[in-house]
Amino acid sequence: MSESEITLQHLADKLNHIHADVEKNSDDIVRLKQEISYGKGAVRSVAFIGACIALILGVIRLGG
């Protein structure tokens, strides 16, 4: 094999490795977006429950 064939093979191997890394990163980004959306939902739920509790306690204090 000539030196240019070895170099081309080496470049092809590197490109395949980079391609695999990019695919893995894309999957990780999708997973991270899902986790962030779950976090936002949890924060909204906690805020809603806190507001309900505050409303109930406020009504009890005003009425009592």
PDB file of N, CA and C in Angstrom:
ATOM      1  N   MET A   1       0.847  -1.178   0.000  1.00  0.00           N
ATOM      2  CA  MET A   1       0.000   0.000   0.000  1.00  0.00           C
ATOM      3  C   MET A   1       0.888   1.236   0.000  1.00  0.00           C
ATOM      4  N   SER A   2       0.434   2.193  -0.718  1.00  0.00           N
ATOM      5  CA  SER A   2       1.211   3.428  -0.769  1.00  0.00           C
ATOM      6  C   SER A   2       0.849   4.291   0.438  1.00  0.00           C
ATOM      7  N   GLU A   3       1.664   5.290   0.633  1.00  0.00           N
ATOM      8  CA  GLU A   3       1.448   6.179   1.778  1.00  0.00           C
ATOM      9  C   GLU A   3       0.122   6.923   1.652  1.00  0.00           C
ATOM     10  N   SER A   4      -0.281   7.304   0.455  1.00  0.00           N
ATOM     11  CA  SER A   4      -1.539   8.030   0.287  1.00  0.00           C
ATOM     12  C   SER A   4      -2.731   7.136   0.629  1.00  0.00           C
ATOM     13  N   GLU A   5      -2.670   5.838   0.333  1.00  0.00           N
ATOM     14  CA  GLU A   5      -3.755   4.928   0.684  1.00  0.00           C
ATOM     15  C   GLU A   5      -3.857   4.765   2.195  1.00  0.00           C
ATOM     16  N   ILE A   6      -2.723   4.696   2.859  1.00  0.00           N
ATOM     17  CA  ILE A   6      -2.723   4.581   4.319  1.00  0.00           C
ATOM     18  C   ILE A   6      -3.311   5.850   4.928  1.00  0.00           C
ATOM     19  N   THR A   7      -2.935   6.995   4.401  1.00  0.00           N
ATOM     20  CA  THR A   7      -3.442   8.263   4.914  1.00  0.00           C
ATOM     21  C   THR A   7      -4.946   8.365   4.677  1.00  0.00           C
ATOM     22  N   LEU A   8      -5.419   7.973   3.500  1.00  0.00           N
ATOM     23  CA  LEU A   8      -6.850   8.019   3.228  1.00  0.00           C
ATOM     24  C   LEU A   8      -7.617   7.072   4.140  1.00  0.00           C
ATOM     25  N   GLN A   9      -7.057   5.904   4.390  1.00  0.00           N
ATOM     26  CA  GLN A   9      -7.711   4.956   5.302  1.00  0.00           C
ATOM     27  C   GLN A   9      -7.764   5.530   6.710  1.00  0.00           C
ATOM     28  N   HIS A  10      -6.688   6.161   7.125  1.00  0.00           N
ATOM     29  CA  HIS A  10      -6.633   6.777   8.452  1.00  0.00           C
ATOM     30  C   HIS A  10      -7.691   7.893   8.551  1.00  0.00           C
ATOM     31  N   LEU A  11      -7.813   8.706   7.513  1.00  0.00           N
ATOM     32  CA  LEU A  11      -8.807   9.777   7.503  1.00  0.00           C
ATOM     33  C   LEU A  11     -10.226   9.205   7.525  1.00  0.00           C
ATOM     34  N   ALA A  12     -10.451   8.131   6.788  1.00  0.00           N
ATOM     35  CA  ALA A  12     -11.770   7.495   6.768  1.00  0.00           C
ATOM     36  C   ALA A  12     -12.125   6.952   8.153  1.00  0.00           C
ATOM     37  N   ASP A  13     -11.152   6.352   8.828  1.00  0.00           N
ATOM     38  CA  ASP A  13     -11.384   5.849  10.185  1.00  0.00           C
ATOM     39  C   ASP A  13     -11.720   6.991  11.136  1.00  0.00           C
ATOM     40  N   LYS A  14     -10.996   8.077  11.017  1.00  0.00           N
ATOM     41  CA  LYS A  14     -11.241   9.240  11.881  1.00  0.00           C
ATOM     42  C   LYS A  14     -12.630   9.819  11.618  1.00  0.00           C
ATOM     43  N   LEU A  15     -13.025   9.907  10.344  1.00  0.00           N
ATOM     44  CA  LEU A  15     -14.351  10.431  10.002  1.00  0.00           C
ATOM     45  C   LEU A  15     -15.454   9.535  10.562  1.00  0.00           C
ATOM     46  N   ASN A  16     -15.256   8.233  10.499  1.00  0.00           N
ATOM     47  CA  ASN A  16     -16.240   7.304  11.069  1.00  0.00           C
ATOM     48  C   ASN A  16     -16.365   7.495  12.577  1.00  0.00           C
ATOM     49  N   HIS A  17     -15.224   7.705  13.227  1.00  0.00           N
ATOM     50  CA  HIS A  17     -15.216   7.936  14.675  1.00  0.00           C
ATOM     51  C   HIS A  17     -15.943   9.241  15.006  1.00  0.00           C
ATOM     52  N   ILE A  18     -15.682  10.280  14.248  1.00  0.00           N
ATOM     53  CA  ILE A  18     -16.339  11.570  14.467  1.00  0.00           C
ATOM     54  C   ILE A  18     -17.844  11.440  14.233  1.00  0.00           C
ATOM     55  N   HIS A  19     -18.209  10.710  13.198  1.00  0.00           N
ATOM     56  CA  HIS A  19     -19.630  10.506  12.895  1.00  0.00           C
ATOM     57  C   HIS A  19     -20.333   9.804  14.060  1.00  0.00           C
ATOM     58  N   ALA A  20     -19.702   8.802  14.618  1.00  0.00           N
ATOM     59  CA  ALA A  20     -20.284   8.086  15.757  1.00  0.00           C
ATOM     60  C   ALA A  20     -20.426   9.021  16.961  1.00  0.00           C
ATOM     61  N   ASP A  21     -19.432   9.873  17.201  1.00  0.00           N
ATOM     62  CA  ASP A  21     -19.497  10.823  18.313  1.00  0.00           C
ATOM     63  C   ASP A  21     -20.628  11.827  18.114  1.00  0.00           C
ATOM     64  N   VAL A  22     -20.804  12.305  16.898  1.00  0.00           N
ATOM     65  CA  VAL A  22     -21.871  13.268  16.615  1.00  0.00           C
ATOM     66  C   VAL A  22     -23.238  12.624  16.839  1.00  0.00           C
ATOM     67  N   GLU A  23     -23.420  11.393  16.427  1.00  0.00           N
ATOM     68  CA  GLU A  23     -24.694  10.701  16.653  1.00  0.00           C
ATOM     69  C   GLU A  23     -24.969  10.532  18.147  1.00  0.00           C
ATOM     70  N   LYS A  24     -23.925  10.172  18.903  1.00  0.00           N
ATOM     71  CA  LYS A  24     -24.087  10.012  20.350  1.00  0.00           C
ATOM     72  C   LYS A  24     -24.446  11.349  20.988  1.00  0.00           C
ATOM     73  N   ASN A  25     -23.786  12.420  20.563  1.00  0.00           N
ATOM     74  CA  ASN A  25     -24.091  13.742  21.107  1.00  0.00           C
ATOM     75  C   ASN A  25     -25.516  14.156  20.776  1.00  0.00           C
ATOM     76  N   SER A  26     -25.984  13.833  19.595  1.00  0.00           N
ATOM     77  CA  SER A  26     -27.360  14.163  19.214  1.00  0.00           C
ATOM     78  C   SER A  26     -28.352  13.438  20.126  1.00  0.00           C
ATOM     79  N   ASP A  27     -28.095  12.174  20.398  1.00  0.00           N
ATOM     80  CA  ASP A  27     -28.965  11.408  21.302  1.00  0.00           C
ATOM     81  C   ASP A  27     -28.937  12.010  22.706  1.00  0.00           C
ATOM     82  N   ASP A  28     -27.745  12.416  23.165  1.00  0.00           N
ATOM     83  CA  ASP A  28     -27.616  13.025  24.485  1.00  0.00           C
ATOM     84  C   ASP A  28     -28.372  14.348  24.558  1.00  0.00           C
ATOM     85  N   ILE A  29     -28.346  15.121  23.496  1.00  0.00           N
ATOM     86  CA  ILE A  29     -29.051  16.403  23.465  1.00  0.00           C
ATOM     87  C   ILE A  29     -30.553  16.178  23.543  1.00  0.00           C
ATOM     88  N   VAL A  30     -31.068  15.187  22.818  1.00  0.00           N
ATOM     89  CA  VAL A  30     -32.497  14.883  22.867  1.00  0.00           C
ATOM     90  C   VAL A  30     -32.896  14.473  24.287  1.00  0.00           C
ATOM     91  N   ARG A  31     -32.090  13.628  24.907  1.00  0.00           N
ATOM     92  CA  ARG A  31     -32.374  13.178  26.269  1.00  0.00           C
ATOM     93  C   ARG A  31     -32.343  14.357  27.253  1.00  0.00           C
ATOM     94  N   LEU A  32     -31.381  15.260  27.070  1.00  0.00           N
ATOM     95  CA  LEU A  32     -31.264  16.423  27.945  1.00  0.00           C
ATOM     96  C   LEU A  32     -32.473  17.344  27.794  1.00  0.00           C
ATOM     97  N   LYS A  33     -32.952  17.537  26.580  1.00  0.00           N
ATOM     98  CA  LYS A  33     -34.148  18.356  26.361  1.00  0.00           C
ATOM     99  C   LYS A  33     -35.352  17.755  27.076  1.00  0.00           C
ATOM    100  N   GLN A  34     -35.478  16.429  27.052  1.00  0.00           N
ATOM    101  CA  GLN A  34     -36.589  15.771  27.746  1.00  0.00           C
ATOM    102  C   GLN A  34     -36.481  15.986  29.254  1.00  0.00           C
ATOM    103  N   GLU A  35     -35.275  15.860  29.793  1.00  0.00           N
ATOM    104  CA  GLU A  35     -35.083  16.050  31.233  1.00  0.00           C
ATOM    105  C   GLU A  35     -35.403  17.482  31.642  1.00  0.00           C
ATOM    106  N   ILE A  36     -35.045  18.435  30.812  1.00  0.00           N
ATOM    107  CA  ILE A  36     -35.335  19.841  31.115  1.00  0.00           C
ATOM    108  C   ILE A  36     -36.842  20.068  31.104  1.00  0.00           C
ATOM    109  N   SER A  37     -37.534  19.482  30.138  1.00  0.00           N
ATOM    110  CA  SER A  37     -38.992  19.671  30.085  1.00  0.00           C
ATOM    111  C   SER A  37     -39.661  19.019  31.290  1.00  0.00           C
ATOM    112  N   TYR A  38     -39.144  17.879  31.754  1.00  0.00           N
ATOM    113  CA  TYR A  38     -39.688  17.254  32.958  1.00  0.00           C
ATOM    114  C   TYR A  38     -39.451  18.164  34.165  1.00  0.00           C
ATOM    115  N   GLY A  39     -38.288  18.774  34.222  1.00  0.00           N
ATOM    116  CA  GLY A  39     -37.961  19.695  35.321  1.00  0.00           C
ATOM    117  C   GLY A  39     -38.883  20.896  35.339  1.00  0.00           C
ATOM    118  N   LYS A  40     -39.173  21.451  34.155  1.00  0.00           N
ATOM    119  CA  LYS A  40     -40.080  22.591  34.076  1.00  0.00           C
ATOM    120  C   LYS A  40     -41.474  22.194  34.546  1.00  0.00           C
ATOM    121  N   GLY A  41     -41.911  21.008  34.176  1.00  0.00           N
ATOM    122  CA  GLY A  41     -43.215  20.528  34.616  1.00  0.00           C
ATOM    123  C   GLY A  41     -43.274  20.348  36.123  1.00  0.00           C
ATOM    124  N   ALA A  42     -42.203  19.856  36.701  1.00  0.00           N
ATOM    125  CA  ALA A  42     -42.151  19.660  38.150  1.00  0.00           C
ATOM    126  C   ALA A  42     -42.207  21.000  38.874  1.00  0.00           C
ATOM    127  N   VAL A  43     -41.483  21.984  38.358  1.00  0.00           N
ATOM    128  CA  VAL A  43     -41.486  23.310  38.979  1.00  0.00           C
ATOM    129  C   VAL A  43     -42.887  23.922  38.905  1.00  0.00           C
ATOM    130  N   ARG A  44     -43.552  23.773  37.767  1.00  0.00           N
ATOM    131  CA  ARG A  44     -44.913  24.308  37.632  1.00  0.00           C
ATOM    132  C   ARG A  44     -45.866  23.615  38.603  1.00  0.00           C
ATOM    133  N   SER A  45     -45.705  22.311  38.750  1.00  0.00           N
ATOM    134  CA  SER A  45     -46.575  21.572  39.665  1.00  0.00           C
ATOM    135  C   SER A  45     -46.368  22.023  41.103  1.00  0.00           C
ATOM    136  N   VAL A  46     -45.126  22.170  41.505  1.00  0.00           N
ATOM    137  CA  VAL A  46     -44.828  22.605  42.873  1.00  0.00           C
ATOM    138  C   VAL A  46     -45.360  24.026  43.097  1.00  0.00           C
ATOM    139  N   ALA A  47     -45.202  24.895  42.117  1.00  0.00           N
ATOM    140  CA  ALA A  47     -45.712  26.265  42.247  1.00  0.00           C
ATOM    141  C   ALA A  47     -47.232  26.270  42.365  1.00  0.00           C
ATOM    142  N   PHE A  48     -47.898  25.450  41.583  1.00  0.00           N
ATOM    143  CA  PHE A  48     -49.364  25.372  41.639  1.00  0.00           C
ATOM    144  C   PHE A  48     -49.830  24.854  43.000  1.00  0.00           C
ATOM    145  N   ILE A  49     -49.195  23.795  43.475  1.00  0.00           N
ATOM    146  CA  ILE A  49     -49.565  23.229  44.780  1.00  0.00           C
ATOM    147  C   ILE A  49     -49.299  24.244  45.891  1.00  0.00           C
ATOM    148  N   GLY A  50     -48.177  24.941  45.812  1.00  0.00           N
ATOM    149  CA  GLY A  50     -47.858  25.976  46.810  1.00  0.00           C
ATOM    150  C   GLY A  50     -48.882  27.099  46.790  1.00  0.00           C
ATOM    151  N   ALA A  51     -49.304  27.505  45.610  1.00  0.00           N
ATOM    152  CA  ALA A  51     -50.312  28.561  45.511  1.00  0.00           C
ATOM    153  C   ALA A  51     -51.638  28.097  46.100  1.00  0.00           C
ATOM    154  N   CYS A  52     -52.002  26.852  45.865  1.00  0.00           N
ATOM    155  CA  CYS A  52     -53.246  26.309  46.434  1.00  0.00           C
ATOM    156  C   CYS A  52     -53.179  26.271  47.947  1.00  0.00           C
ATOM    157  N   ILE A  53     -52.061  25.838  48.477  1.00  0.00           N
ATOM    158  CA  ILE A  53     -51.902  25.782  49.942  1.00  0.00           C
ATOM    159  C   ILE A  53     -51.945  27.185  50.530  1.00  0.00           C
ATOM    160  N   ALA A  54     -51.278  28.130  49.884  1.00  0.00           N
ATOM    161  CA  ALA A  54     -51.289  29.508  50.368  1.00  0.00           C
ATOM    162  C   ALA A  54     -52.705  30.078  50.337  1.00  0.00           C
ATOM    163  N   LEU A  55     -53.461  29.767  49.305  1.00  0.00           N
ATOM    164  CA  LEU A  55     -54.840  30.241  49.196  1.00  0.00           C
ATOM    165  C   LEU A  55     -55.696  29.653  50.327  1.00  0.00           C
ATOM    166  N   ILE A  56     -55.547  28.361  50.557  1.00  0.00           N
ATOM    167  CA  ILE A  56     -56.315  27.702  51.617  1.00  0.00           C
ATOM    168  C   ILE A  56     -55.970  28.290  52.980  1.00  0.00           C
ATOM    169  N   LEU A  57     -54.674  28.475  53.253  1.00  0.00           N
ATOM    170  CA  LEU A  57     -54.263  29.047  54.539  1.00  0.00           C
ATOM    171  C   LEU A  57     -54.747  30.486  54.671  1.00  0.00           C
ATOM    172  N   GLY A  58     -54.725  31.239  53.591  1.00  0.00           N
ATOM    173  CA  GLY A  58     -55.224  32.615  53.638  1.00  0.00           C
ATOM    174  C   GLY A  58     -56.704  32.675  53.935  1.00  0.00           C
ATOM    175  N   VAL A  59     -57.476  31.794  53.316  1.00  0.00           N
ATOM    176  CA  VAL A  59     -58.926  31.754  53.565  1.00  0.00           C
ATOM    177  C   VAL A  59     -59.202  31.339  55.003  1.00  0.00           C
ATOM    178  N   ILE A  60     -58.446  30.376  55.504  1.00  0.00           N
ATOM    179  CA  ILE A  60     -58.642  29.921  56.896  1.00  0.00           C
ATOM    180  C   ILE A  60     -58.341  31.057  57.878  1.00  0.00           C
ATOM    181  N   ARG A  61     -57.267  31.801  57.656  1.00  0.00           N
ATOM    182  CA  ARG A  61     -56.895  32.886  58.571  1.00  0.00           C
ATOM    183  C   ARG A  61     -57.892  34.032  58.503  1.00  0.00           C
ATOM    184  N   LEU A  62     -58.387  34.337  57.311  1.00  0.00           N
ATOM    185  CA  LEU A  62     -59.364  35.412  57.191  1.00  0.00           C
ATOM    186  C   LEU A  62     -60.718  35.001  57.768  1.00  0.00           C
ATOM    187  N   GLY A  63     -61.074  33.761  57.575  1.00  0.00           N
ATOM    188  CA  GLY A  63     -62.373  33.281  58.042  1.00  0.00           C
ATOM    189  C   GLY A  63     -62.368  32.944  59.516  1.00  0.00           C
ATOM    190  N   GLY A  64     -61.208  32.654  60.067  1.00  0.00           N
ATOM    191  CA  GLY A  64     -61.153  32.172  61.454  1.00  0.00           C
ATOM    192  C   GLY A  64     -60.933  33.215  62.412  1.00  0.00           C
TER     193      GLY A  64
END
